[in-house]
Protein backbone atom coordinates (compact mmCIF):
# COMPACT_ATOMS: atom_id res chain seq x y z
CA MET A 1 -1.63 -6.99 -3.65
CA ALA A 2 0.85 -9.49 -2.56
CA ALA A 3 3.24 -7.91 -5.38
CA LEU A 4 2.93 -4.86 -3.72
CA LEU A 5 3.48 -6.22 -0.13
CA GLY A 6 6.83 -7.53 -1.79
CA SER A 7 7.94 -4.67 -3.24
CA LEU A 8 7.38 -2.63 0.07
CA ARG A 9 9.04 -5.35 2.23
CA ALA A 10 12.66 -4.46 0.32
CA LEU A 11 12.16 -1.12 1.41
CA PRO A 12 14.24 -0.08 4.50
CA LEU A 13 10.67 0.79 6.60
CA SER A 14 10.62 0.80 10.53
CA THR A 15 8.50 -2.28 11.86
CA ASP A 16 5.34 -0.08 12.05
CA GLN A 17 5.23 0.64 8.47
CA GLN A 18 5.67 -2.87 7.54
CA ASP A 19 3.06 -3.64 9.70
CA TYR A 20 1.02 -1.25 8.72
CA PHE A 21 1.47 -1.95 4.80
CA THR A 22 0.42 -5.44 5.55
CA GLU A 23 -2.43 -4.65 7.26
CA LEU A 24 -3.40 -1.95 5.14
CA PHE A 25 -2.86 -4.45 1.18
CA SER A 26 -3.54 -7.77 3.66
CA PRO A 27 -6.07 -10.68 2.02
CA SER A 28 -9.02 -9.31 4.28
CA ALA A 29 -8.58 -5.78 2.55
CA VAL A 30 -9.34 -7.02 -0.60
CA GLN A 31 -13.00 -5.85 -0.79
CA ARG A 32 -12.27 -2.59 0.53
CA ILE A 33 -9.31 -1.76 -1.84
CA GLY A 34 -11.46 -3.02 -4.43
CA HIS A 35 -14.25 -0.73 -3.51
CA ARG A 36 -12.25 2.06 -3.04
CA LEU A 37 -10.71 2.02 -6.56
CA ALA A 38 -13.97 1.28 -7.90
CA THR A 39 -15.56 4.11 -6.73
CA ILE A 40 -12.68 6.80 -5.99
CA GLY A 41 -9.89 5.19 -8.67
CA GLU A 42 -7.02 4.55 -6.27
CA VAL A 43 -5.53 3.92 -2.68
CA ARG A 44 -2.75 6.24 -1.85
CA THR A 45 -0.86 6.48 0.89
CA LEU A 46 2.84 7.58 2.12
CA ALA A 47 5.97 5.56 2.67
CA PHE A 48 8.65 7.20 4.65
CA VAL A 49 12.51 5.85 3.64
CA GLY A 50 14.80 7.48 6.27
CA LEU A 51 12.86 11.20 6.77
CA SER A 52 11.72 11.31 2.96
CA PRO A 53 8.09 10.46 2.17
CA ARG A 54 7.38 8.38 -0.76
CA LEU A 55 4.00 7.91 -2.10
CA VAL A 56 2.50 4.65 -2.56
CA ARG A 57 -0.54 4.86 -5.21
CA LEU A 58 -2.47 1.76 -6.55
CA TYR A 59 -4.66 2.66 -9.20
CA LEU A 60 -6.80 0.80 -11.62
CA ALA A 61 -4.69 0.39 -15.25
CA GLU A 62 -6.56 1.45 -18.55
């Protein structure tokens, strides 16, 4: 998740979005993210680059 956060920090996101992703993918969220991956198979959210929504998708590799 640290690599994902690093990639998201490279995008021109607002401070609010950066804070949201930092919390969503923080080390304290590992258990929650792992549970969601195990039960649903993915975690999805949107990042807005300007006015364009971009899907951020974390999923299990096969």
